[in-house]
Amino acid sequence: MKTFENEAVIARGDSSRVITGSNTGKLKKTNREKHSNRQIWTESVFRRLLFIMGVLMVVLVLGIMFTLIVQSVPSIKALGAGFLWGKVWDPVRDIYGAFPFLLGTLLTSFLALAISIPFSFAVGIFLGEYYPKGWLPDLLKNTVELIAAVPSVIYGFWGLAVLVPIVRSFESGIGEPPIGVGIFTSSLILSIMIIPYAASLGRSMIQMVPSHLKEAAYSLGATRWEVIKSVILPYVKSGLFAGVLLSLGRALGETMAVTMVIGNTSGIPKSIFAPGNTMASVIANEFTEADRTVYLSALIELGLVLFLVTVVINMIGKKIISRFTND
């Protein structure tokens, strides 16, 4: 029947309306090929864009390191390796030793990390396991996220107005000189600032624990604490450590809040309550005052040392995370 219709159409001169089964199949095949080619082209472009972005990130990091190295050459030539172990920083006499600032950076960062970890894990477990939904968890989650969004200079002002008098009273009570500013105060400020990083990542990881693992433990008679200790924490240990690593990286590079409450002295701190300085804070304080080539280069070399310390700590952390994951 269709053949007669097609012949009639041709007889009328309207050949564009001739549609046969073979033509329909060819048309569908052509459409599929076009769609497949479009998918292949889109996937290829997307893959190349991702590759370019990845390369740009590597180039950016290498560019930062190269710039720091080039700008540090006058200091490296003038001071040598003794720059890292020098205990005196006296720009007036052209004596530059980075050890007090390296020590101050590590002391404030690791002390802040030790203070913040219990709070970070507690918040993560509370929001991830005990109360994942509801107005109270939402309020607490928003508050934790707000802590990360507050500018560091605000923390510095708050520390000077509120925290320093409290620390001064505490130092008087334990027989320390009531200075108020110092390593301990800056560590307290830093600990508050880095809580959201480990807490948010910990909450997300805990919520991703498969429910059948927890239900199996409950079916065997385990309590909530035993499930957290024996099932949840071992399952998410690599994620928790990654959050701790993020917190440490944030603490190492913090500048303004630490500068405002650490005391800004160039000597080696005799205790955690004594004033001190970090590499970031001394750069912020003295960079605009550097009027000599070696002085400016020494400050840039401090930035290079801070950069390398951060890279080394992150590499060590990645090794530990991979070890946890493989276990």
C-alpha atoms as a PDB file:
ATOM      1  CA  MET A   1       0.000   0.000   0.000  1.00  0.00           C
ATOM      2  CA  LYS A   2       2.840   2.412   0.957  1.00  0.00           C
ATOM      3  CA  THR A   3       4.555   1.701  -2.377  1.00  0.00           C
ATOM      4  CA  PHE A   4       1.488   2.791  -4.333  1.00  0.00           C
ATOM      5  CA  GLU A   5       1.219   5.946  -2.211  1.00  0.00           C
ATOM      6  CA  ASN A   6       4.861   6.797  -2.807  1.00  0.00           C
ATOM      7  CA  GLU A   7       4.438   6.244  -6.538  1.00  0.00           C
ATOM      8  CA  ALA A   8       1.428   8.526  -6.497  1.00  0.00           C
ATOM      9  CA  VAL A   9       3.420  11.189  -4.706  1.00  0.00           C
ATOM     10  CA  ILE A  10       6.210  10.891  -7.273  1.00  0.00           C
ATOM     11  CA  ALA A  11       3.669  11.111 -10.089  1.00  0.00           C
ATOM     12  CA  ARG A  12       2.492  14.433  -8.599  1.00  0.00           C
ATOM     13  CA  GLY A  13       6.086  15.689  -8.523  1.00  0.00           C
ATOM     14  CA  ASP A  14       6.256  15.856  -4.685  1.00  0.00           C
ATOM     15  CA  SER A  15       9.260  13.591  -4.244  1.00  0.00           C
ATOM     16  CA  SER A  16      10.227  15.189  -0.860  1.00  0.00           C
ATOM     17  CA  ARG A  17       7.328  13.363   0.783  1.00  0.00           C
ATOM     18  CA  VAL A  18       8.575   9.925  -0.175  1.00  0.00           C
ATOM     19  CA  ILE A  19       9.422   8.122   3.044  1.00  0.00           C
ATOM     20  CA  THR A  20      10.437   4.519   2.985  1.00  0.00           C
ATOM     21  CA  GLY A  21      11.457   2.213   5.835  1.00  0.00           C
ATOM     22  CA  SER A  22      15.074   2.266   4.757  1.00  0.00           C
ATOM     23  CA  ASN A  23      15.165   6.083   4.682  1.00  0.00           C
ATOM     24  CA  THR A  24      13.696   6.260   8.181  1.00  0.00           C
ATOM     25  CA  GLY A  25      16.357   3.879   9.491  1.00  0.00           C
ATOM     26  CA  LYS A  26      19.117   5.894   7.852  1.00  0.00           C
ATOM     27  CA  LEU A  27      17.749   9.091   9.405  1.00  0.00           C
ATOM     28  CA  LYS A  28      17.679   7.604  12.897  1.00  0.00           C
ATOM     29  CA  LYS A  29      21.183   6.219  12.439  1.00  0.00           C
ATOM     30  CA  THR A  30      22.415   9.632  11.322  1.00  0.00           C
ATOM     31  CA  ASN A  31      20.845  11.291  14.383  1.00  0.00           C
ATOM     32  CA  ARG A  32      22.448   8.735  16.688  1.00  0.00           C
ATOM     33  CA  GLU A  33      25.825   9.297  15.077  1.00  0.00           C
ATOM     34  CA  LYS A  34      25.482  13.060  15.468  1.00  0.00           C
ATOM     35  CA  HIS A  35      24.506  12.672  19.120  1.00  0.00           C
ATOM     36  CA  SER A  36      27.388  10.270  19.732  1.00  0.00           C
ATOM     37  CA  ASN A  37      29.858  12.600  18.050  1.00  0.00           C
ATOM     38  CA  ARG A  38      28.568  15.510  20.128  1.00  0.00           C
ATOM     39  CA  GLN A  39      29.022  13.481  23.313  1.00  0.00           C
ATOM     40  CA  ILE A  40      32.561  12.516  22.334  1.00  0.00           C
ATOM     41  CA  TRP A  41      33.418  16.145  21.529  1.00  0.00           C
ATOM     42  CA  THR A  42      31.931  17.409  24.822  1.00  0.00           C
ATOM     43  CA  GLU A  43      33.786  14.769  26.839  1.00  0.00           C
ATOM     44  CA  SER A  44      37.043  15.607  25.065  1.00  0.00           C
ATOM     45  CA  VAL A  45      36.668  19.344  25.696  1.00  0.00           C
ATOM     46  CA  PHE A  46      35.727  18.786  29.348  1.00  0.00           C
ATOM     47  CA  ARG A  47      38.713  16.494  29.905  1.00  0.00           C
ATOM     48  CA  ARG A  48      41.072  19.016  28.343  1.00  0.00           C
ATOM     49  CA  LEU A  49      39.667  21.833  30.485  1.00  0.00           C
ATOM     50  CA  LEU A  50      40.201  19.777  33.635  1.00  0.00           C
ATOM     51  CA  PHE A  51      43.749  18.980  32.543  1.00  0.00           C
ATOM     52  CA  ILE A  52      44.488  22.656  31.842  1.00  0.00           C
ATOM     53  CA  MET A  53      43.102  23.698  35.243  1.00  0.00           C
ATOM     54  CA  GLY A  54      45.204  21.069  36.982  1.00  0.00           C
ATOM     55  CA  VAL A  55      48.329  22.205  35.160  1.00  0.00           C
ATOM     56  CA  LEU A  56      47.567  25.835  36.031  1.00  0.00           C
ATOM     57  CA  MET A  57      47.373  24.952  39.731  1.00  0.00           C
ATOM     58  CA  VAL A  58      50.762  23.253  39.561  1.00  0.00           C
ATOM     59  CA  VAL A  59      52.225  26.195  37.642  1.00  0.00           C
ATOM     60  CA  LEU A  60      50.786  28.620  40.204  1.00  0.00           C
ATOM     61  CA  VAL A  61      52.358  26.806  43.148  1.00  0.00           C
ATOM     62  CA  LEU A  62      55.691  26.449  41.350  1.00  0.00           C
ATOM     63  CA  GLY A  63      55.540  30.114  40.370  1.00  0.00           C
ATOM     64  CA  ILE A  64      55.020  31.178  43.977  1.00  0.00           C
ATOM     65  CA  MET A  65      57.934  29.033  45.121  1.00  0.00           C
ATOM     66  CA  PHE A  66      60.172  30.272  42.293  1.00  0.00           C
ATOM     67  CA  THR A  67      59.384  33.905  43.129  1.00  0.00           C
ATOM     68  CA  LEU A  68      60.195  33.362  46.799  1.00  0.00           C
ATOM     69  CA  ILE A  69      63.467  31.626  45.937  1.00  0.00           C
ATOM     70  CA  VAL A  70      64.567  34.354  43.523  1.00  0.00           C
ATOM     71  CA  GLN A  71      63.737  37.138  45.984  1.00  0.00           C
ATOM     72  CA  SER A  72      65.528  35.249  48.780  1.00  0.00           C
ATOM     73  CA  VAL A  73      68.829  34.917  46.896  1.00  0.00           C
ATOM     74  CA  PRO A  74      70.507  38.022  48.483  1.00  0.00           C
ATOM     75  CA  SER A  75      69.664  36.738  51.969  1.00  0.00           C
ATOM     76  CA  ILE A  76      70.773  33.191  51.161  1.00  0.00           C
ATOM     77  CA  LYS A  77      74.104  34.470  49.838  1.00  0.00           C
ATOM     78  CA  ALA A  78      74.680  36.815  52.774  1.00  0.00           C
ATOM     79  CA  LEU A  79      73.462  34.627  55.635  1.00  0.00           C
ATOM     80  CA  GLY A  80      73.741  31.047  54.406  1.00  0.00           C
ATOM     81  CA  ALA A  81      72.228  28.096  56.253  1.00  0.00           C
ATOM     82  CA  GLY A  82      72.867  29.820  59.586  1.00  0.00           C
ATOM     83  CA  PHE A  83      69.774  31.865  58.914  1.00  0.00           C
ATOM     84  CA  LEU A  84      67.584  28.951  59.999  1.00  0.00           C
ATOM     85  CA  TRP A  85      69.403  28.362  63.295  1.00  0.00           C
ATOM     86  CA  GLY A  86      70.232  31.932  64.202  1.00  0.00           C
ATOM     87  CA  LYS A  87      68.718  32.959  67.521  1.00  0.00           C
ATOM     88  CA  VAL A  88      69.063  36.723  67.147  1.00  0.00           C
ATOM     89  CA  TRP A  89      66.987  38.958  64.909  1.00  0.00           C
ATOM     90  CA  ASP A  90      68.412  42.488  64.944  1.00  0.00           C
ATOM     91  CA  PRO A  91      67.907  44.431  61.705  1.00  0.00           C
ATOM     92  CA  VAL A  92      69.788  47.436  63.118  1.00  0.00           C
ATOM     93  CA  ARG A  93      73.009  45.387  63.243  1.00  0.00           C
ATOM     94  CA  ASP A  94      72.102  43.337  60.143  1.00  0.00           C
ATOM     95  CA  ILE A  95      71.779  40.126  62.174  1.00  0.00           C
ATOM     96  CA  TYR A  96      68.981  37.853  61.018  1.00  0.00           C
ATOM     97  CA  GLY A  97      68.114  34.562  62.667  1.00  0.00           C
ATOM     98  CA  ALA A  98      64.857  32.772  61.905  1.00  0.00           C
ATOM     99  CA  PHE A  99      64.840  30.219  64.722  1.00  0.00           C
ATOM    100  CA  PRO A 100      62.725  32.245  67.226  1.00  0.00           C
ATOM    101  CA  PHE A 101      60.030  32.757  64.602  1.00  0.00           C
ATOM    102  CA  LEU A 102      60.143  29.151  63.423  1.00  0.00           C
ATOM    103  CA  LEU A 103      59.773  27.999  67.013  1.00  0.00           C
ATOM    104  CA  GLY A 104      56.957  30.479  67.666  1.00  0.00           C
ATOM    105  CA  THR A 105      55.087  29.331  64.554  1.00  0.00           C
ATOM    106  CA  LEU A 106      55.273  25.660  65.492  1.00  0.00           C
ATOM    107  CA  LEU A 107      54.418  26.302  69.156  1.00  0.00           C
ATOM    108  CA  THR A 108      51.317  28.380  68.443  1.00  0.00           C
ATOM    109  CA  SER A 109      50.067  26.097  65.672  1.00  0.00           C
ATOM    110  CA  PHE A 110      50.457  22.763  67.432  1.00  0.00           C
ATOM    111  CA  LEU A 111      49.224  24.105  70.763  1.00  0.00           C
ATOM    112  CA  ALA A 112      46.151  25.530  69.013  1.00  0.00           C
ATOM    113  CA  LEU A 113      45.646  22.187  67.299  1.00  0.00           C
ATOM    114  CA  ALA A 114      45.824  20.316  70.608  1.00  0.00           C
ATOM    115  CA  ILE A 115      43.241  22.663  72.133  1.00  0.00           C
ATOM    116  CA  SER A 116      40.872  22.541  69.158  1.00  0.00           C
ATOM    117  CA  ILE A 117      40.819  18.799  68.401  1.00  0.00           C
ATOM    118  CA  PRO A 118      38.522  17.751  71.307  1.00  0.00           C
ATOM    119  CA  PHE A 119      36.017  20.475  70.429  1.00  0.00           C
ATOM    120  CA  SER A 120      36.192  19.739  66.687  1.00  0.00           C
ATOM    121  CA  PHE A 121      35.599  16.024  67.149  1.00  0.00           C
ATOM    122  CA  ALA A 122      32.858  16.628  69.715  1.00  0.00           C
ATOM    123  CA  VAL A 123      30.993  18.970  67.377  1.00  0.00           C
ATOM    124  CA  GLY A 124      31.474  16.585  64.445  1.00  0.00           C
ATOM    125  CA  ILE A 125      30.158  13.580  66.391  1.00  0.00           C
ATOM    126  CA  PHE A 126      27.243  15.546  67.860  1.00  0.00           C
ATOM    127  CA  LEU A 127      26.085  16.863  64.473  1.00  0.00           C
ATOM    128  CA  GLY A 128      26.931  13.748  62.501  1.00  0.00           C
ATOM    129  CA  GLU A 129      25.625  11.006  64.795  1.00  0.00           C
ATOM    130  CA  TYR A 130      23.498  12.237  67.680  1.00  0.00           C
ATOM    131  CA  TYR A 131      21.512  15.100  66.143  1.00  0.00           C
ATOM    132  CA  PRO A 132      21.930  15.216  62.363  1.00  0.00           C
ATOM    133  CA  LYS A 133      18.616  17.058  61.846  1.00  0.00           C
ATOM    134  CA  GLY A 134      16.562  19.626  63.721  1.00  0.00           C
ATOM    135  CA  TRP A 135      16.628  23.308  64.620  1.00  0.00           C
ATOM    136  CA  LEU A 136      19.363  22.913  67.254  1.00  0.00           C
ATOM    137  CA  PRO A 137      21.810  21.069  64.953  1.00  0.00           C
ATOM    138  CA  ASP A 138      21.078  23.585  62.183  1.00  0.00           C
ATOM    139  CA  LEU A 139      21.775  26.458  64.569  1.00  0.00           C
ATOM    140  CA  LEU A 140      25.017  24.866  65.759  1.00  0.00           C
ATOM    141  CA  LYS A 141      26.114  24.069  62.194  1.00  0.00           C
ATOM    142  CA  ASN A 142      25.486  27.641  61.061  1.00  0.00           C
ATOM    143  CA  THR A 143      27.342  28.954  64.104  1.00  0.00           C
ATOM    144  CA  VAL A 144      30.364  26.768  63.375  1.00  0.00           C
ATOM    145  CA  GLU A 145      30.380  27.902  59.752  1.00  0.00           C
ATOM    146  CA  LEU A 146      30.124  31.513  60.890  1.00  0.00           C
ATOM    147  CA  ILE A 147      33.248  31.061  63.020  1.00  0.00           C
ATOM    148  CA  ALA A 148      35.185  30.272  59.854  1.00  0.00           C
ATOM    149  CA  ALA A 149      33.753  33.314  58.059  1.00  0.00           C
ATOM    150  CA  VAL A 150      34.651  35.926  60.690  1.00  0.00           C
ATOM    151  CA  PRO A 151      37.678  38.021  59.567  1.00  0.00           C
ATOM    152  CA  SER A 152      40.834  37.324  61.530  1.00  0.00           C
ATOM    153  CA  VAL A 153      41.276  40.971  62.538  1.00  0.00           C
ATOM    154  CA  ILE A 154      37.952  40.726  64.414  1.00  0.00           C
ATOM    155  CA  TYR A 155      39.365  37.823  66.375  1.00  0.00           C
ATOM    156  CA  GLY A 156      42.389  39.953  67.139  1.00  0.00           C
ATOM    157  CA  PHE A 157      40.268  42.796  68.510  1.00  0.00           C
ATOM    158  CA  TRP A 158      38.177  40.348  70.526  1.00  0.00           C
ATOM    159  CA  GLY A 159      41.318  38.740  71.894  1.00  0.00           C
ATOM    160  CA  LEU A 160      42.735  42.087  73.029  1.00  0.00           C
ATOM    161  CA  ALA A 161      39.482  43.205  74.630  1.00  0.00           C
ATOM    162  CA  VAL A 162      38.293  39.950  76.222  1.00  0.00           C
ATOM    163  CA  LEU A 163      40.857  37.166  76.132  1.00  0.00           C
ATOM    164  CA  VAL A 164      43.983  39.076  77.169  1.00  0.00           C
ATOM    165  CA  PRO A 165      42.526  40.235  80.544  1.00  0.00           C
ATOM    166  CA  ILE A 166      41.337  36.678  81.266  1.00  0.00           C
ATOM    167  CA  VAL A 167      44.753  35.223  80.458  1.00  0.00           C
ATOM    168  CA  ARG A 168      46.422  37.928  82.539  1.00  0.00           C
ATOM    169  CA  SER A 169      44.324  36.942  85.571  1.00  0.00           C
ATOM    170  CA  PHE A 170      45.111  33.284  84.944  1.00  0.00           C
ATOM    171  CA  GLU A 171      48.844  34.004  84.737  1.00  0.00           C
ATOM    172  CA  SER A 172      48.703  35.875  88.051  1.00  0.00           C
ATOM    173  CA  GLY A 173      47.009  32.887  89.630  1.00  0.00           C
ATOM    174  CA  ILE A 174      49.698  30.413  88.568  1.00  0.00           C
ATOM    175  CA  GLY A 175      52.666  32.660  89.371  1.00  0.00           C
ATOM    176  CA  GLU A 176      53.548  33.747  85.829  1.00  0.00           C
ATOM    177  CA  PRO A 177      54.201  37.396  84.931  1.00  0.00           C
ATOM    178  CA  PRO A 178      50.750  38.860  84.161  1.00  0.00           C
ATOM    179  CA  ILE A 179      51.501  39.960  80.609  1.00  0.00           C
ATOM    180  CA  GLY A 180      48.377  38.664  78.919  1.00  0.00           C
ATOM    181  CA  VAL A 181      49.741  38.609  75.389  1.00  0.00           C
ATOM    182  CA  GLY A 182      51.956  35.747  74.266  1.00  0.00           C
ATOM    183  CA  ILE A 183      52.147  32.277  72.775  1.00  0.00           C
ATOM    184  CA  PHE A 184      49.311  30.895  74.905  1.00  0.00           C
ATOM    185  CA  THR A 185      46.892  33.696  74.062  1.00  0.00           C
ATOM    186  CA  SER A 186      47.562  33.462  70.348  1.00  0.00           C
ATOM    187  CA  SER A 187      47.096  29.684  70.536  1.00  0.00           C
ATOM    188  CA  LEU A 188      43.690  30.158  72.154  1.00  0.00           C
ATOM    189  CA  ILE A 189      42.656  32.536  69.380  1.00  0.00           C
ATOM    190  CA  LEU A 190      43.919  30.137  66.727  1.00  0.00           C
ATOM    191  CA  SER A 191      42.160  27.158  68.314  1.00  0.00           C
ATOM    192  CA  ILE A 192      38.812  28.935  68.011  1.00  0.00           C
ATOM    193  CA  MET A 193      39.512  29.910  64.409  1.00  0.00           C
ATOM    194  CA  ILE A 194      40.418  26.392  63.214  1.00  0.00           C
ATOM    195  CA  ILE A 195      37.605  24.448  64.925  1.00  0.00           C
ATOM    196  CA  PRO A 196      35.216  24.689  61.915  1.00  0.00           C
ATOM    197  CA  TYR A 197      37.594  22.951  59.493  1.00  0.00           C
ATOM    198  CA  ALA A 198      37.936  19.643  61.325  1.00  0.00           C
ATOM    199  CA  ALA A 199      34.382  19.826  62.714  1.00  0.00           C
ATOM    200  CA  SER A 200      32.691  20.307  59.328  1.00  0.00           C
ATOM    201  CA  LEU A 201      34.716  17.618  57.589  1.00  0.00           C
ATOM    202  CA  GLY A 202      34.238  15.246  60.532  1.00  0.00           C
ATOM    203  CA  ARG A 203      30.467  15.761  60.479  1.00  0.00           C
ATOM    204  CA  SER A 204      30.296  15.044  56.750  1.00  0.00           C
ATOM    205  CA  MET A 205      32.414  11.900  57.072  1.00  0.00           C
ATOM    206  CA  ILE A 206      30.421  10.554  60.023  1.00  0.00           C
ATOM    207  CA  GLN A 207      27.144  11.010  58.137  1.00  0.00           C
ATOM    208  CA  MET A 208      28.602   8.956  55.269  1.00  0.00           C
ATOM    209  CA  VAL A 209      29.200   5.865  57.424  1.00  0.00           C
ATOM    210  CA  PRO A 210      27.014   3.033  56.006  1.00  0.00           C
ATOM    211  CA  SER A 211      23.969   2.485  58.193  1.00  0.00           C
ATOM    212  CA  HIS A 212      24.187  -1.310  57.970  1.00  0.00           C
ATOM    213  CA  LEU A 213      27.521  -1.254  59.822  1.00  0.00           C
ATOM    214  CA  LYS A 214      25.994   0.646  62.744  1.00  0.00           C
ATOM    215  CA  GLU A 215      22.834  -1.455  62.722  1.00  0.00           C
ATOM    216  CA  ALA A 216      24.903  -4.641  62.833  1.00  0.00           C
ATOM    217  CA  ALA A 217      26.725  -3.358  65.901  1.00  0.00           C
ATOM    218  CA  TYR A 218      23.456  -2.359  67.592  1.00  0.00           C
ATOM    219  CA  SER A 219      21.991  -5.789  66.842  1.00  0.00           C
ATOM    220  CA  LEU A 220      24.906  -7.358  68.722  1.00  0.00           C
ATOM    221  CA  GLY A 221      24.064  -5.293  71.797  1.00  0.00           C
ATOM    222  CA  ALA A 222      26.565  -2.433  71.393  1.00  0.00           C
ATOM    223  CA  THR A 223      25.796   0.921  73.009  1.00  0.00           C
ATOM    224  CA  ARG A 224      25.916   4.240  71.192  1.00  0.00           C
ATOM    225  CA  TRP A 225      29.366   4.967  72.646  1.00  0.00           C
ATOM    226  CA  GLU A 226      30.657   1.542  71.597  1.00  0.00           C
ATOM    227  CA  VAL A 227      29.349   2.046  68.061  1.00  0.00           C
ATOM    228  CA  ILE A 228      31.085   5.428  67.852  1.00  0.00           C
ATOM    229  CA  LYS A 229      34.329   4.080  69.279  1.00  0.00           C
ATOM    230  CA  SER A 230      34.504   0.745  67.452  1.00  0.00           C
ATOM    231  CA  VAL A 231      32.643   1.364  64.185  1.00  0.00           C
ATOM    232  CA  ILE A 232      32.329   5.041  63.272  1.00  0.00           C
ATOM    233  CA  LEU A 233      35.712   6.443  64.320  1.00  0.00           C
ATOM    234  CA  PRO A 234      37.774   3.617  62.734  1.00  0.00           C
ATOM    235  CA  TYR A 235      35.750   3.967  59.523  1.00  0.00           C
ATOM    236  CA  VAL A 236      36.288   7.733  59.215  1.00  0.00           C
ATOM    237  CA  LYS A 237      39.771   8.041  60.724  1.00  0.00           C
ATOM    238  CA  SER A 238      41.393   9.133  57.465  1.00  0.00           C
ATOM    239  CA  GLY A 239      38.769  11.856  56.987  1.00  0.00           C
ATOM    240  CA  LEU A 240      39.159  13.051  60.568  1.00  0.00           C
ATOM    241  CA  PHE A 241      42.912  13.281  60.142  1.00  0.00           C
ATOM    242  CA  ALA A 242      42.435  15.186  56.888  1.00  0.00           C
ATOM    243  CA  GLY A 243      40.346  17.719  58.817  1.00  0.00           C
ATOM    244  CA  VAL A 244      43.083  18.014  61.427  1.00  0.00           C
ATOM    245  CA  LEU A 245      45.584  18.606  58.636  1.00  0.00           C
ATOM    246  CA  LEU A 246      43.433  21.381  57.172  1.00  0.00           C
ATOM    247  CA  SER A 247      43.200  22.976  60.605  1.00  0.00           C
ATOM    248  CA  LEU A 248      46.961  22.846  61.039  1.00  0.00           C
ATOM    249  CA  GLY A 249      47.542  24.429  57.645  1.00  0.00           C
ATOM    250  CA  ARG A 250      45.160  27.236  58.579  1.00  0.00           C
ATOM    251  CA  ALA A 251      46.951  27.783  61.885  1.00  0.00           C
ATOM    252  CA  LEU A 252      50.419  27.874  60.330  1.00  0.00           C
ATOM    253  CA  GLY A 253      49.545  30.681  57.950  1.00  0.00           C
ATOM    254  CA  GLU A 254      47.376  32.869  60.173  1.00  0.00           C
ATOM    255  CA  THR A 255      48.699  36.419  60.444  1.00  0.00           C
ATOM    256  CA  MET A 256      46.551  39.264  61.758  1.00  0.00           C
ATOM    257  CA  ALA A 257      44.906  37.662  64.795  1.00  0.00           C
ATOM    258  CA  VAL A 258      48.232  36.216  65.934  1.00  0.00           C
ATOM    259  CA  THR A 259      50.084  39.485  65.314  1.00  0.00           C
ATOM    260  CA  MET A 260      47.682  41.386  67.561  1.00  0.00           C
ATOM    261  CA  VAL A 261      47.970  39.110  70.615  1.00  0.00           C
ATOM    262  CA  ILE A 262      51.333  37.312  70.468  1.00  0.00           C
ATOM    263  CA  GLY A 263      53.457  40.167  71.862  1.00  0.00           C
ATOM    264  CA  ASN A 264      55.770  40.599  68.838  1.00  0.00           C
ATOM    265  CA  THR A 265      59.157  40.044  70.461  1.00  0.00           C
ATOM    266  CA  SER A 266      62.102  38.640  68.535  1.00  0.00           C
ATOM    267  CA  GLY A 267      63.555  36.528  71.328  1.00  0.00           C
ATOM    268  CA  ILE A 268      63.070  32.819  71.946  1.00  0.00           C
ATOM    269  CA  PRO A 269      60.001  32.368  74.197  1.00  0.00           C
ATOM    270  CA  LYS A 270      60.939  30.926  77.587  1.00  0.00           C
ATOM    271  CA  SER A 271      57.488  29.459  78.164  1.00  0.00           C
ATOM    272  CA  ILE A 272      54.140  29.200  76.426  1.00  0.00           C
ATOM    273  CA  PHE A 273      52.988  32.267  78.389  1.00  0.00           C
ATOM    274  CA  ALA A 274      55.864  34.448  77.189  1.00  0.00           C
ATOM    275  CA  PRO A 275      55.528  36.861  74.250  1.00  0.00           C
ATOM    276  CA  GLY A 276      56.921  35.708  70.941  1.00  0.00           C
ATOM    277  CA  ASN A 277      56.553  35.992  67.196  1.00  0.00           C
ATOM    278  CA  THR A 278      55.662  33.814  64.237  1.00  0.00           C
ATOM    279  CA  MET A 279      57.060  33.934  60.744  1.00  0.00           C
ATOM    280  CA  ALA A 280      53.814  35.358  59.395  1.00  0.00           C
ATOM    281  CA  SER A 281      53.538  38.004  62.111  1.00  0.00           C
ATOM    282  CA  VAL A 282      57.112  39.273  61.772  1.00  0.00           C
ATOM    283  CA  ILE A 283      56.655  39.596  57.998  1.00  0.00           C
ATOM    284  CA  ALA A 284      53.452  41.580  58.535  1.00  0.00           C
ATOM    285  CA  ASN A 285      55.079  43.829  61.131  1.00  0.00           C
ATOM    286  CA  GLU A 286      58.381  44.583  59.416  1.00  0.00           C
ATOM    287  CA  PHE A 287      57.871  44.221  55.674  1.00  0.00           C
ATOM    288  CA  THR A 288      57.093  47.907  55.123  1.00  0.00           C
ATOM    289  CA  GLU A 289      60.073  48.909  57.301  1.00  0.00           C
ATOM    290  CA  ALA A 290      62.648  46.880  55.370  1.00  0.00           C
ATOM    291  CA  ASP A 291      64.845  49.571  53.834  1.00  0.00           C
ATOM    292  CA  ARG A 292      67.834  47.407  52.911  1.00  0.00           C
ATOM    293  CA  THR A 293      68.182  44.646  50.349  1.00  0.00           C
ATOM    294  CA  VAL A 294      69.329  41.970  52.789  1.00  0.00           C
ATOM    295  CA  TYR A 295      66.671  42.932  55.315  1.00  0.00           C
ATOM    296  CA  LEU A 296      63.874  42.670  52.744  1.00  0.00           C
ATOM    297  CA  SER A 297      65.323  39.471  51.339  1.00  0.00           C
ATOM    298  CA  ALA A 298      65.533  37.965  54.844  1.00  0.00           C
ATOM    299  CA  LEU A 299      61.825  38.614  55.359  1.00  0.00           C
ATOM    300  CA  ILE A 300      61.036  37.004  52.007  1.00  0.00           C
ATOM    301  CA  GLU A 301      63.217  34.050  52.971  1.00  0.00           C
ATOM    302  CA  LEU A 302      61.085  33.729  56.115  1.00  0.00           C
ATOM    303  CA  GLY A 303      58.092  33.433  53.784  1.00  0.00           C
ATOM    304  CA  LEU A 304      59.945  30.752  51.831  1.00  0.00           C
ATOM    305  CA  VAL A 305      60.673  28.831  55.041  1.00  0.00           C
ATOM    306  CA  LEU A 306      56.999  29.086  56.036  1.00  0.00           C
ATOM    307  CA  PHE A 307      55.998  27.834  52.594  1.00  0.00           C
ATOM    308  CA  LEU A 308      58.365  24.860  52.831  1.00  0.00           C
ATOM    309  CA  VAL A 309      57.284  24.029  56.396  1.00  0.00           C
ATOM    310  CA  THR A 310      53.657  23.958  55.246  1.00  0.00           C
ATOM    311  CA  VAL A 311      54.519  21.740  52.277  1.00  0.00           C
ATOM    312  CA  VAL A 312      56.511  19.304  54.434  1.00  0.00           C
ATOM    313  CA  ILE A 313      53.789  19.048  57.078  1.00  0.00           C
ATOM    314  CA  ASN A 314      51.157  18.457  54.389  1.00  0.00           C
ATOM    315  CA  MET A 315      53.286  15.765  52.752  1.00  0.00           C
ATOM    316  CA  ILE A 316      53.733  14.017  56.089  1.00  0.00           C
ATOM    317  CA  GLY A 317      49.997  14.287  56.709  1.00  0.00           C
ATOM    318  CA  LYS A 318      49.197  12.808  53.290  1.00  0.00           C
ATOM    319  CA  LYS A 319      51.480   9.860  54.029  1.00  0.00           C
ATOM    320  CA  ILE A 320      49.721   9.252  57.324  1.00  0.00           C
ATOM    321  CA  ILE A 321      46.285   9.514  55.662  1.00  0.00           C
ATOM    322  CA  SER A 322      47.268   7.024  52.964  1.00  0.00           C
ATOM    323  CA  ARG A 323      48.591   4.691  55.641  1.00  0.00           C
ATOM    324  CA  PHE A 324      45.292   4.906  57.519  1.00  0.00           C
ATOM    325  CA  THR A 325      43.365   4.296  54.321  1.00  0.00           C
ATOM    326  CA  ASN A 326      45.434   1.259  53.370  1.00  0.00           C
ATOM    327  CA  ASP A 327      44.944  -0.201  56.843  1.00  0.00           C
END
